[in-house]
Amino acid sequence: MATPPPPPDLSIRPATFPSDLKQVTVLFRAYAASLPIPLDFQNFEHEVASLPGKYGEDRGGAVFLAFVGASGISGSQQSEGERGGEGEGDVSTQEAEPIGCIAIRYFSASTPPSPSPSPSPSQPPPPRTCELKRLYLSPSSRGLGAGKQLLDAAIQKARSLGYAEMLLDTLGSMVAARRLYEKAGFEEIESYYESVEGAVFYRLRL
């Protein structure tokens, strides 16, 4: 019996801007192209043109990249000081092209995204909610476990930013993605915004 190949050397790290802008843009566009629906209703072109935009860490967001055979360490283990500030210590020059991505951003149904909501002193702060976005893996890299690692990194980051819950929407036809979310503890909920036909919605208590 042939010896099974060793597991791939996967690594996850936070994207930094502007050094990773091109790679994130390519992956976001690949994500959009992989869907059976256009993303016009999400103002996708503006999102890409303004990256990092709502995914910027200064606005309560984050983007993570996945690599196979990369020299970088897991983003959950790499501090800001170790990887340098934006434009510094660009580890992407030592890595292969990323195979996938995931992002989180602050979410509010009634107010513009802000990293620090400021309720009046007499009222308790509202639950801080983030939204999971743009989970994508290149077709050749699926089934390696990178999706779970990306999701774990996003959840850990959301907790470190003080979020109380994470929302997401996906398509009912995306069975593998839904299975991944449900295994991570997401529960299906009613829609939290007007989306396309066939969309399903999930929430994870952090």
N, C-alpha and C. Protein backbone atom coordinates (compact mmCIF):
# COMPACT_ATOMS: atom_id res chain seq x y z
N MET A 1 0.85 -1.19 0.00
CA MET A 1 0.00 0.00 0.00
C MET A 1 0.89 1.24 0.00
N ALA A 2 0.57 2.16 -0.87
CA ALA A 2 1.38 3.38 -0.98
C ALA A 2 1.23 4.23 0.27
N THR A 3 2.31 4.88 0.66
CA THR A 3 2.27 5.77 1.81
C THR A 3 1.53 7.05 1.44
N PRO A 4 0.55 7.46 2.26
CA PRO A 4 -0.18 8.68 1.93
C PRO A 4 0.74 9.89 1.99
N PRO A 5 0.50 10.88 1.17
CA PRO A 5 1.34 12.07 1.19
C PRO A 5 1.21 12.80 2.51
N PRO A 6 2.24 13.51 2.94
CA PRO A 6 2.15 14.27 4.19
C PRO A 6 1.15 15.40 4.05
N PRO A 7 0.57 15.85 5.17
CA PRO A 7 -0.38 16.97 5.09
C PRO A 7 0.32 18.22 4.58
N PRO A 8 -0.38 19.08 3.88
CA PRO A 8 0.25 20.28 3.34
C PRO A 8 0.69 21.23 4.45
N ASP A 9 1.72 21.98 4.16
CA ASP A 9 2.24 22.97 5.10
C ASP A 9 1.43 24.25 4.94
N LEU A 10 0.35 24.35 5.69
CA LEU A 10 -0.53 25.51 5.60
C LEU A 10 -0.12 26.57 6.60
N SER A 11 -0.28 27.81 6.23
CA SER A 11 -0.08 28.91 7.17
C SER A 11 -1.10 30.00 6.89
N ILE A 12 -1.48 30.68 7.96
CA ILE A 12 -2.45 31.77 7.89
C ILE A 12 -1.80 32.99 8.51
N ARG A 13 -1.94 34.13 7.86
CA ARG A 13 -1.45 35.36 8.46
C ARG A 13 -2.37 36.52 8.11
N PRO A 14 -2.34 37.57 8.94
CA PRO A 14 -3.14 38.76 8.61
C PRO A 14 -2.59 39.45 7.36
N ALA A 15 -3.47 39.96 6.56
CA ALA A 15 -3.05 40.81 5.44
C ALA A 15 -2.67 42.18 5.97
N THR A 16 -1.65 42.76 5.38
CA THR A 16 -1.26 44.12 5.71
C THR A 16 -1.43 44.98 4.47
N PHE A 17 -1.77 46.24 4.71
CA PHE A 17 -2.00 47.17 3.60
C PHE A 17 -1.03 48.33 3.73
N PRO A 18 -0.45 48.77 2.62
CA PRO A 18 -0.79 48.45 1.22
C PRO A 18 -0.05 47.25 0.62
N SER A 19 0.85 46.61 1.39
CA SER A 19 1.72 45.60 0.78
C SER A 19 0.95 44.41 0.21
N ASP A 20 -0.18 44.05 0.82
CA ASP A 20 -0.95 42.90 0.35
C ASP A 20 -2.17 43.29 -0.48
N LEU A 21 -2.27 44.56 -0.84
CA LEU A 21 -3.46 45.04 -1.53
C LEU A 21 -3.73 44.26 -2.82
N LYS A 22 -2.69 44.05 -3.63
CA LYS A 22 -2.89 43.36 -4.91
C LYS A 22 -3.39 41.94 -4.70
N GLN A 23 -2.79 41.23 -3.75
CA GLN A 23 -3.19 39.85 -3.50
C GLN A 23 -4.62 39.75 -2.98
N VAL A 24 -4.97 40.65 -2.07
CA VAL A 24 -6.34 40.64 -1.54
C VAL A 24 -7.33 40.97 -2.64
N THR A 25 -7.00 41.93 -3.48
CA THR A 25 -7.89 42.30 -4.59
C THR A 25 -8.12 41.12 -5.52
N VAL A 26 -7.05 40.42 -5.88
CA VAL A 26 -7.16 39.25 -6.76
C VAL A 26 -8.06 38.19 -6.14
N LEU A 27 -7.89 37.91 -4.85
CA LEU A 27 -8.69 36.88 -4.19
C LEU A 27 -10.14 37.31 -4.04
N PHE A 28 -10.38 38.56 -3.71
CA PHE A 28 -11.77 39.04 -3.60
C PHE A 28 -12.48 38.92 -4.95
N ARG A 29 -11.77 39.26 -6.03
CA ARG A 29 -12.39 39.16 -7.36
C ARG A 29 -12.61 37.70 -7.75
N ALA A 30 -11.69 36.82 -7.37
CA ALA A 30 -11.88 35.40 -7.63
C ALA A 30 -13.08 34.87 -6.85
N TYR A 31 -13.24 35.35 -5.63
CA TYR A 31 -14.41 34.98 -4.83
C TYR A 31 -15.69 35.38 -5.55
N ALA A 32 -15.75 36.62 -6.00
CA ALA A 32 -16.96 37.11 -6.68
C ALA A 32 -17.23 36.31 -7.95
N ALA A 33 -16.17 36.00 -8.70
CA ALA A 33 -16.34 35.25 -9.95
C ALA A 33 -16.81 33.82 -9.72
N SER A 34 -16.55 33.29 -8.53
CA SER A 34 -16.93 31.91 -8.23
C SER A 34 -18.40 31.76 -7.87
N LEU A 35 -19.08 32.87 -7.63
CA LEU A 35 -20.48 32.82 -7.20
C LEU A 35 -21.42 32.75 -8.39
N PRO A 36 -22.59 32.14 -8.21
CA PRO A 36 -23.57 32.08 -9.30
C PRO A 36 -24.40 33.35 -9.44
N ILE A 37 -24.12 34.34 -8.60
CA ILE A 37 -24.87 35.60 -8.63
C ILE A 37 -23.90 36.76 -8.65
N PRO A 38 -24.28 37.90 -9.23
CA PRO A 38 -23.44 39.10 -9.16
C PRO A 38 -23.55 39.72 -7.77
N LEU A 39 -22.54 40.48 -7.38
CA LEU A 39 -22.54 41.11 -6.07
C LEU A 39 -22.85 42.60 -6.13
N ASP A 40 -23.56 43.01 -7.17
CA ASP A 40 -23.91 44.42 -7.30
C ASP A 40 -24.69 44.92 -6.09
N PHE A 41 -25.53 44.06 -5.51
CA PHE A 41 -26.36 44.48 -4.39
C PHE A 41 -25.53 44.74 -3.13
N GLN A 42 -24.29 44.30 -3.12
CA GLN A 42 -23.39 44.57 -2.00
C GLN A 42 -22.39 45.69 -2.31
N ASN A 43 -22.57 46.36 -3.44
CA ASN A 43 -21.66 47.44 -3.83
C ASN A 43 -20.22 46.94 -3.86
N PHE A 44 -20.04 45.79 -4.50
CA PHE A 44 -18.76 45.09 -4.45
C PHE A 44 -17.63 45.88 -5.10
N GLU A 45 -17.89 46.52 -6.23
CA GLU A 45 -16.82 47.26 -6.91
C GLU A 45 -16.27 48.38 -6.04
N HIS A 46 -17.14 49.06 -5.32
CA HIS A 46 -16.67 50.10 -4.41
C HIS A 46 -15.85 49.49 -3.28
N GLU A 47 -16.30 48.34 -2.79
CA GLU A 47 -15.56 47.66 -1.72
C GLU A 47 -14.13 47.36 -2.15
N VAL A 48 -13.97 46.80 -3.34
CA VAL A 48 -12.64 46.44 -3.83
C VAL A 48 -11.80 47.68 -4.07
N ALA A 49 -12.41 48.71 -4.64
CA ALA A 49 -11.66 49.93 -4.97
C ALA A 49 -11.18 50.66 -3.73
N SER A 50 -11.84 50.46 -2.60
CA SER A 50 -11.50 51.20 -1.39
C SER A 50 -10.80 50.35 -0.33
N LEU A 51 -10.32 49.16 -0.70
CA LEU A 51 -9.64 48.30 0.27
C LEU A 51 -8.48 49.02 0.96
N PRO A 52 -8.28 48.82 2.28
CA PRO A 52 -9.02 47.86 3.11
C PRO A 52 -10.40 48.31 3.54
N GLY A 53 -10.69 49.62 3.48
CA GLY A 53 -12.03 50.10 3.77
C GLY A 53 -12.56 49.58 5.10
N LYS A 54 -13.75 49.00 5.06
CA LYS A 54 -14.39 48.50 6.29
C LYS A 54 -13.65 47.33 6.90
N TYR A 55 -12.72 46.74 6.15
CA TYR A 55 -11.94 45.63 6.69
C TYR A 55 -10.66 46.09 7.36
N GLY A 56 -10.43 47.40 7.40
CA GLY A 56 -9.24 47.92 8.06
C GLY A 56 -9.30 47.71 9.56
N GLU A 57 -8.17 47.42 10.15
CA GLU A 57 -8.15 47.16 11.60
C GLU A 57 -8.56 48.39 12.39
N ASP A 58 -8.30 49.59 11.85
CA ASP A 58 -8.71 50.80 12.55
C ASP A 58 -10.21 50.99 12.54
N ARG A 59 -10.93 50.20 11.75
CA ARG A 59 -12.39 50.26 11.70
C ARG A 59 -13.02 48.97 12.24
N GLY A 60 -12.24 48.22 12.98
CA GLY A 60 -12.77 47.01 13.59
C GLY A 60 -12.79 45.80 12.70
N GLY A 61 -12.00 45.81 11.63
CA GLY A 61 -12.01 44.70 10.69
C GLY A 61 -10.67 44.01 10.60
N ALA A 62 -10.60 43.02 9.71
CA ALA A 62 -9.36 42.28 9.48
C ALA A 62 -9.53 41.43 8.23
N VAL A 63 -8.41 41.16 7.57
CA VAL A 63 -8.36 40.24 6.44
C VAL A 63 -7.24 39.25 6.72
N PHE A 64 -7.49 37.96 6.44
CA PHE A 64 -6.47 36.93 6.59
C PHE A 64 -6.22 36.25 5.26
N LEU A 65 -4.97 35.84 5.05
CA LEU A 65 -4.56 35.13 3.85
C LEU A 65 -4.06 33.74 4.22
N ALA A 66 -4.32 32.77 3.35
CA ALA A 66 -3.85 31.40 3.54
C ALA A 66 -2.80 31.08 2.49
N PHE A 67 -1.79 30.32 2.89
CA PHE A 67 -0.71 29.92 2.00
C PHE A 67 -0.43 28.43 2.16
N VAL A 68 0.06 27.81 1.11
CA VAL A 68 0.59 26.45 1.17
C VAL A 68 2.09 26.53 0.93
N GLY A 69 2.87 25.93 1.84
CA GLY A 69 4.32 25.96 1.70
C GLY A 69 4.89 27.33 1.93
N ALA A 70 4.17 28.18 2.68
CA ALA A 70 4.66 29.53 2.94
C ALA A 70 5.66 29.51 4.08
N SER A 71 6.51 30.51 4.08
CA SER A 71 7.52 30.61 5.14
C SER A 71 7.00 31.32 6.36
N GLY A 72 5.88 32.02 6.23
CA GLY A 72 5.33 32.76 7.35
C GLY A 72 4.71 31.83 8.37
N ILE A 73 4.51 32.33 9.62
CA ILE A 73 3.86 31.54 10.65
C ILE A 73 2.40 31.91 10.69
N SER A 74 1.65 31.16 11.46
CA SER A 74 0.22 31.42 11.57
C SER A 74 -0.02 32.83 12.04
N GLY A 75 -0.98 33.50 11.41
CA GLY A 75 -1.30 34.86 11.79
C GLY A 75 -1.73 34.96 13.23
N SER A 76 -2.37 33.91 13.79
CA SER A 76 -2.81 33.95 15.17
C SER A 76 -1.63 33.93 16.13
N GLN A 77 -0.44 33.54 15.65
CA GLN A 77 0.74 33.47 16.49
C GLN A 77 1.70 34.61 16.21
N GLN A 78 1.41 35.44 15.23
CA GLN A 78 2.35 36.47 14.80
C GLN A 78 1.86 37.82 15.29
N SER A 79 2.68 38.52 16.06
CA SER A 79 2.29 39.81 16.60
C SER A 79 2.53 40.90 15.58
N GLU A 80 1.93 42.06 15.84
CA GLU A 80 2.13 43.21 14.96
C GLU A 80 3.59 43.59 14.90
N GLY A 81 4.27 43.49 16.06
CA GLY A 81 5.67 43.84 16.09
C GLY A 81 6.53 42.90 15.28
N GLU A 82 6.13 41.61 15.25
CA GLU A 82 6.92 40.63 14.51
C GLU A 82 6.79 40.81 13.02
N ARG A 83 5.58 41.21 12.57
CA ARG A 83 5.40 41.32 11.13
C ARG A 83 5.59 42.74 10.64
N GLY A 84 5.76 43.69 11.57
CA GLY A 84 5.97 45.07 11.18
C GLY A 84 4.67 45.77 10.90
N GLY A 85 4.72 47.09 10.82
CA GLY A 85 3.53 47.86 10.51
C GLY A 85 3.22 47.79 9.04
N GLU A 86 2.22 48.57 8.64
CA GLU A 86 1.81 48.55 7.24
C GLU A 86 2.98 49.00 6.37
N GLY A 87 3.27 48.19 5.36
CA GLY A 87 4.34 48.53 4.44
C GLY A 87 5.71 48.14 4.94
N GLU A 88 5.79 47.58 6.18
CA GLU A 88 7.07 47.18 6.74
C GLU A 88 7.12 45.67 6.87
N GLY A 89 8.32 45.12 6.79
CA GLY A 89 8.50 43.69 7.00
C GLY A 89 7.60 42.87 6.12
N ASP A 90 7.54 43.15 4.87
CA ASP A 90 6.63 42.48 3.95
C ASP A 90 7.04 41.03 3.78
N VAL A 91 6.34 40.12 4.52
CA VAL A 91 6.69 38.71 4.43
C VAL A 91 6.18 38.09 3.14
N SER A 92 5.32 38.80 2.41
CA SER A 92 4.77 38.20 1.20
C SER A 92 5.85 37.94 0.15
N THR A 93 6.99 38.68 0.25
CA THR A 93 8.06 38.46 -0.70
C THR A 93 8.73 37.11 -0.48
N GLN A 94 8.51 36.48 0.71
CA GLN A 94 9.11 35.20 1.02
C GLN A 94 8.10 34.06 0.90
N GLU A 95 6.93 34.34 0.41
CA GLU A 95 5.86 33.36 0.37
C GLU A 95 5.41 33.10 -1.06
N ALA A 96 4.75 31.98 -1.22
CA ALA A 96 4.08 31.72 -2.48
C ALA A 96 2.84 32.60 -2.56
N GLU A 97 2.17 32.54 -3.69
CA GLU A 97 0.93 33.29 -3.81
C GLU A 97 -0.11 32.71 -2.85
N PRO A 98 -0.95 33.54 -2.25
CA PRO A 98 -1.96 33.02 -1.33
C PRO A 98 -3.00 32.18 -2.05
N ILE A 99 -3.52 31.19 -1.35
CA ILE A 99 -4.53 30.31 -1.93
C ILE A 99 -5.94 30.65 -1.47
N GLY A 100 -6.06 31.55 -0.50
CA GLY A 100 -7.39 31.85 0.00
C GLY A 100 -7.39 33.04 0.94
N CYS A 101 -8.60 33.44 1.32
CA CYS A 101 -8.74 34.61 2.18
C CYS A 101 -10.03 34.52 2.98
N ILE A 102 -10.12 35.38 3.97
CA ILE A 102 -11.34 35.57 4.76
C ILE A 102 -11.25 36.95 5.36
N ALA A 103 -12.40 37.54 5.71
CA ALA A 103 -12.39 38.89 6.26
C ALA A 103 -13.51 39.04 7.29
N ILE A 104 -13.32 39.99 8.20
CA ILE A 104 -14.38 40.38 9.12
C ILE A 104 -14.48 41.90 9.10
N ARG A 105 -15.67 42.39 9.44
CA ARG A 105 -15.87 43.83 9.54
C ARG A 105 -16.95 44.10 10.57
N TYR A 106 -16.91 45.30 11.14
CA TYR A 106 -17.95 45.72 12.07
C TYR A 106 -19.28 45.74 11.35
N PHE A 107 -20.34 45.33 12.05
CA PHE A 107 -21.66 45.33 11.44
C PHE A 107 -22.67 46.01 12.34
N SER A 108 -23.46 46.89 11.75
CA SER A 108 -24.61 47.49 12.42
C SER A 108 -25.70 47.67 11.39
N ALA A 109 -26.91 47.27 11.74
CA ALA A 109 -28.03 47.38 10.80
C ALA A 109 -28.54 48.80 10.67
N SER A 110 -28.17 49.67 11.62
CA SER A 110 -28.78 51.00 11.63
C SER A 110 -27.78 52.15 11.57
N THR A 111 -26.50 51.88 11.83
CA THR A 111 -25.52 52.95 11.84
C THR A 111 -24.33 52.59 10.99
N PRO A 112 -23.57 53.59 10.50
CA PRO A 112 -22.38 53.29 9.71
C PRO A 112 -21.37 52.51 10.53
N PRO A 113 -20.55 51.68 9.88
CA PRO A 113 -19.54 50.92 10.60
C PRO A 113 -18.62 51.83 11.39
N SER A 114 -18.33 51.45 12.60
CA SER A 114 -17.44 52.19 13.48
C SER A 114 -16.78 51.22 14.43
N PRO A 115 -15.50 51.39 14.69
CA PRO A 115 -14.85 50.44 15.58
C PRO A 115 -15.22 50.61 17.04
N SER A 116 -15.77 51.77 17.40
CA SER A 116 -16.04 52.04 18.81
C SER A 116 -17.38 52.74 18.98
N PRO A 117 -18.50 52.02 19.00
CA PRO A 117 -19.78 52.65 19.26
C PRO A 117 -19.75 53.34 20.61
N SER A 118 -20.42 54.49 20.73
CA SER A 118 -20.38 55.27 21.96
C SER A 118 -21.79 55.51 22.49
N PRO A 119 -22.35 54.57 23.27
CA PRO A 119 -23.67 54.76 23.84
C PRO A 119 -23.62 55.83 24.93
N SER A 120 -24.78 56.36 25.31
CA SER A 120 -24.83 57.33 26.39
C SER A 120 -24.46 56.65 27.69
N PRO A 121 -23.96 57.41 28.68
CA PRO A 121 -23.52 56.79 29.94
C PRO A 121 -24.62 56.03 30.65
N SER A 122 -25.88 56.40 30.45
CA SER A 122 -26.99 55.76 31.15
C SER A 122 -27.44 54.47 30.50
N GLN A 123 -26.91 54.15 29.34
CA GLN A 123 -27.31 52.95 28.62
C GLN A 123 -26.14 51.98 28.48
N PRO A 124 -26.41 50.68 28.61
CA PRO A 124 -25.33 49.72 28.40
C PRO A 124 -24.93 49.70 26.94
N PRO A 125 -23.69 49.37 26.64
CA PRO A 125 -23.27 49.32 25.24
C PRO A 125 -24.01 48.22 24.51
N PRO A 126 -24.36 48.43 23.23
CA PRO A 126 -25.03 47.38 22.46
C PRO A 126 -24.06 46.24 22.19
N PRO A 127 -24.58 45.04 21.92
CA PRO A 127 -23.69 43.94 21.58
C PRO A 127 -22.86 44.31 20.36
N ARG A 128 -21.56 44.13 20.47
CA ARG A 128 -20.70 44.42 19.32
C ARG A 128 -20.77 43.26 18.36
N THR A 129 -21.19 43.56 17.15
CA THR A 129 -21.43 42.53 16.14
C THR A 129 -20.49 42.73 14.97
N CYS A 130 -19.90 41.65 14.51
CA CYS A 130 -19.10 41.69 13.29
C CYS A 130 -19.72 40.77 12.26
N GLU A 131 -19.29 40.94 11.03
CA GLU A 131 -19.80 40.13 9.93
C GLU A 131 -18.63 39.43 9.26
N LEU A 132 -18.79 38.15 9.01
CA LEU A 132 -17.79 37.37 8.30
C LEU A 132 -18.03 37.50 6.80
N LYS A 133 -16.97 37.78 6.06
CA LYS A 133 -17.10 38.01 4.62
C LYS A 133 -15.96 37.34 3.85
N ARG A 134 -16.22 37.09 2.58
CA ARG A 134 -15.21 36.77 1.56
C ARG A 134 -14.35 35.54 1.87
N LEU A 135 -14.96 34.50 2.44
CA LEU A 135 -14.22 33.24 2.59
C LEU A 135 -14.08 32.61 1.22
N TYR A 136 -12.83 32.44 0.80
CA TYR A 136 -12.57 31.90 -0.54
C TYR A 136 -11.30 31.07 -0.51
N LEU A 137 -11.34 29.94 -1.24
CA LEU A 137 -10.17 29.11 -1.49
C LEU A 137 -10.10 28.81 -2.97
N SER A 138 -8.90 28.86 -3.53
CA SER A 138 -8.74 28.49 -4.94
C SER A 138 -9.17 27.04 -5.12
N PRO A 139 -9.76 26.69 -6.26
CA PRO A 139 -10.28 25.33 -6.46
C PRO A 139 -9.27 24.23 -6.18
N SER A 140 -8.01 24.43 -6.56
CA SER A 140 -7.01 23.38 -6.38
C SER A 140 -6.59 23.19 -4.93
N SER A 141 -6.95 24.13 -4.06
CA SER A 141 -6.52 24.04 -2.66
C SER A 141 -7.64 23.61 -1.72
N ARG A 142 -8.79 23.31 -2.26
CA ARG A 142 -9.91 22.91 -1.40
C ARG A 142 -9.73 21.48 -0.92
N GLY A 143 -10.18 21.23 0.29
CA GLY A 143 -10.03 19.91 0.87
C GLY A 143 -8.75 19.72 1.67
N LEU A 144 -7.95 20.77 1.82
CA LEU A 144 -6.69 20.69 2.55
C LEU A 144 -6.82 21.13 4.00
N GLY A 145 -7.96 21.68 4.36
CA GLY A 145 -8.15 22.18 5.72
C GLY A 145 -7.91 23.66 5.88
N ALA A 146 -7.61 24.36 4.79
CA ALA A 146 -7.33 25.79 4.89
C ALA A 146 -8.57 26.59 5.25
N GLY A 147 -9.74 26.13 4.80
CA GLY A 147 -10.96 26.85 5.12
C GLY A 147 -11.20 26.91 6.62
N LYS A 148 -11.01 25.80 7.30
CA LYS A 148 -11.18 25.77 8.75
C LYS A 148 -10.16 26.65 9.44
N GLN A 149 -8.92 26.63 8.97
CA GLN A 149 -7.89 27.47 9.58
C GLN A 149 -8.19 28.95 9.38
N LEU A 150 -8.67 29.32 8.21
CA LEU A 150 -9.05 30.71 7.98
C LEU A 150 -10.20 31.11 8.90
N LEU A 151 -11.20 30.25 9.00
CA LEU A 151 -12.35 30.54 9.85
C LEU A 151 -11.92 30.66 11.31
N ASP A 152 -11.08 29.76 11.77
CA ASP A 152 -10.60 29.82 13.15
C ASP A 152 -9.86 31.13 13.42
N ALA A 153 -9.04 31.56 12.45
CA ALA A 153 -8.29 32.81 12.62
C ALA A 153 -9.23 34.00 12.71
N ALA A 154 -10.27 34.01 11.88
CA ALA A 154 -11.22 35.12 11.89
C ALA A 154 -11.99 35.16 13.21
N ILE A 155 -12.40 34.00 13.71
CA ILE A 155 -13.14 33.94 14.97
C ILE A 155 -12.26 34.40 16.12
N GLN A 156 -11.02 33.95 16.14
CA GLN A 156 -10.10 34.36 17.21
C GLN A 156 -9.87 35.86 17.17
N LYS A 157 -9.72 36.42 15.97
CA LYS A 157 -9.52 37.86 15.85
C LYS A 157 -10.74 38.62 16.33
N ALA A 158 -11.93 38.15 15.97
CA ALA A 158 -13.16 38.81 16.39
C ALA A 158 -13.26 38.85 17.91
N ARG A 159 -12.91 37.76 18.54
CA ARG A 159 -12.94 37.73 20.01
C ARG A 159 -11.93 38.71 20.60
N SER A 160 -10.74 38.77 20.01
CA SER A 160 -9.72 39.67 20.53
C SER A 160 -10.11 41.14 20.36
N LEU A 161 -10.96 41.43 19.38
CA LEU A 161 -11.44 42.80 19.16
C LEU A 161 -12.65 43.13 20.02
N GLY A 162 -13.12 42.17 20.80
CA GLY A 162 -14.22 42.42 21.71
C GLY A 162 -15.61 42.23 21.15
N TYR A 163 -15.72 41.59 20.00
CA TYR A 163 -17.05 41.35 19.44
C TYR A 163 -17.78 40.28 20.25
N ALA A 164 -19.10 40.44 20.34
CA ALA A 164 -19.94 39.50 21.08
C ALA A 164 -20.58 38.46 20.18
N GLU A 165 -20.71 38.78 18.91
CA GLU A 165 -21.32 37.83 17.98
C GLU A 165 -20.81 38.09 16.57
N MET A 166 -20.91 37.05 15.75
CA MET A 166 -20.48 37.12 14.35
C MET A 166 -21.64 36.67 13.47
N LEU A 167 -21.95 37.46 12.45
CA LEU A 167 -22.99 37.12 11.49
C LEU A 167 -22.37 36.78 10.15
N LEU A 168 -23.11 36.05 9.35
CA LEU A 168 -22.69 35.83 7.97
C LEU A 168 -23.90 35.45 7.13
N ASP A 169 -23.78 35.67 5.84
CA ASP A 169 -24.79 35.17 4.91
C ASP A 169 -24.07 34.39 3.82
N THR A 170 -24.73 33.38 3.32
CA THR A 170 -24.19 32.57 2.24
C THR A 170 -25.36 32.07 1.41
N LEU A 171 -25.09 31.29 0.41
CA LEU A 171 -26.14 30.74 -0.43
C LEU A 171 -26.48 29.33 0.05
N GLY A 172 -27.76 29.00 -0.01
CA GLY A 172 -28.18 27.67 0.40
C GLY A 172 -27.51 26.56 -0.38
N SER A 173 -27.11 26.86 -1.60
CA SER A 173 -26.48 25.85 -2.46
C SER A 173 -25.02 25.58 -2.10
N MET A 174 -24.42 26.42 -1.25
CA MET A 174 -23.01 26.26 -0.89
C MET A 174 -22.91 25.30 0.30
N VAL A 175 -23.09 24.03 0.00
CA VAL A 175 -23.22 23.01 1.04
C VAL A 175 -21.94 22.87 1.86
N ALA A 176 -20.79 22.84 1.21
CA ALA A 176 -19.53 22.66 1.93
C ALA A 176 -19.27 23.81 2.89
N ALA A 177 -19.53 25.04 2.44
CA ALA A 177 -19.32 26.20 3.31
C ALA A 177 -20.28 26.16 4.49
N ARG A 178 -21.52 25.80 4.25
CA ARG A 178 -22.49 25.73 5.34
C ARG A 178 -22.09 24.67 6.36
N ARG A 179 -21.59 23.56 5.88
CA ARG A 179 -21.14 22.51 6.80
C ARG A 179 -19.98 23.01 7.66
N LEU A 180 -19.06 23.75 7.05
CA LEU A 180 -17.93 24.31 7.78
C LEU A 180 -18.41 25.25 8.88
N TYR A 181 -19.34 26.13 8.54
CA TYR A 181 -19.86 27.08 9.52
C TYR A 181 -20.57 26.37 10.66
N GLU A 182 -21.38 25.40 10.33
CA GLU A 182 -22.15 24.70 11.36
C GLU A 182 -21.24 23.91 12.29
N LYS A 183 -20.18 23.33 11.77
CA LYS A 183 -19.22 22.61 12.61
C LYS A 183 -18.51 23.57 13.57
N ALA A 184 -18.37 24.83 13.16
CA ALA A 184 -17.72 25.83 14.01
C ALA A 184 -18.66 26.41 15.05
N GLY A 185 -19.93 26.03 15.01
CA GLY A 185 -20.88 26.49 16.01
C GLY A 185 -21.88 27.53 15.54
N PHE A 186 -21.84 27.91 14.26
CA PHE A 186 -22.81 28.86 13.75
C PHE A 186 -24.20 28.23 13.72
N GLU A 187 -25.20 29.04 14.03
CA GLU A 187 -26.59 28.60 14.00
C GLU A 187 -27.36 29.40 12.96
N GLU A 188 -28.21 28.74 12.21
CA GLU A 188 -28.99 29.43 11.19
C GLU A 188 -30.02 30.33 11.85
N ILE A 189 -30.17 31.55 11.33
CA ILE A 189 -31.09 32.54 11.88
C ILE A 189 -31.93 33.14 10.77
N GLU A 190 -32.86 34.02 11.16
CA GLU A 190 -33.63 34.78 10.18
C GLU A 190 -32.70 35.78 9.49
N SER A 191 -33.12 36.27 8.33
CA SER A 191 -32.30 37.23 7.59
C SER A 191 -32.08 38.50 8.41
N TYR A 192 -30.89 39.05 8.36
CA TYR A 192 -30.60 40.30 9.07
C TYR A 192 -30.44 41.48 8.12
N TYR A 193 -30.57 41.23 6.83
CA TYR A 193 -30.65 42.31 5.85
C TYR A 193 -31.27 41.73 4.58
N GLU A 194 -31.70 42.61 3.70
CA GLU A 194 -32.35 42.17 2.47
C GLU A 194 -31.29 41.68 1.49
N SER A 195 -31.32 40.40 1.19
CA SER A 195 -30.33 39.80 0.33
C SER A 195 -31.01 39.19 -0.89
N VAL A 196 -30.32 38.29 -1.56
CA VAL A 196 -30.84 37.68 -2.77
C VAL A 196 -31.64 36.43 -2.42
N GLU A 197 -32.44 35.99 -3.36
CA GLU A 197 -33.21 34.77 -3.16
C GLU A 197 -32.26 33.58 -2.99
N GLY A 198 -32.57 32.74 -2.03
CA GLY A 198 -31.74 31.57 -1.78
C GLY A 198 -30.65 31.79 -0.75
N ALA A 199 -30.55 32.99 -0.19
CA ALA A 199 -29.54 33.26 0.82
C ALA A 199 -29.96 32.67 2.16
N VAL A 200 -28.99 32.24 2.93
CA VAL A 200 -29.22 31.77 4.29
C VAL A 200 -28.29 32.55 5.22
N PHE A 201 -28.69 32.65 6.48
CA PHE A 201 -27.99 33.52 7.43
C PHE A 201 -27.62 32.74 8.68
N TYR A 202 -26.46 33.10 9.23
CA TYR A 202 -25.95 32.40 10.41
C TYR A 202 -25.44 33.39 11.45
N ARG A 203 -25.41 32.90 12.70
CA ARG A 203 -24.84 33.70 13.80
C ARG A 203 -24.02 32.79 14.70
N LEU A 204 -22.90 33.33 15.18
CA LEU A 204 -22.06 32.64 16.16
C LEU A 204 -21.91 33.54 17.37
N ARG A 205 -22.29 33.03 18.54
CA ARG A 205 -22.05 33.75 19.78
C ARG A 205 -20.58 33.59 20.15
N LEU A 206 -19.91 34.71 20.33
CA LEU A 206 -18.48 34.68 20.61
C LEU A 206 -18.19 34.70 22.10
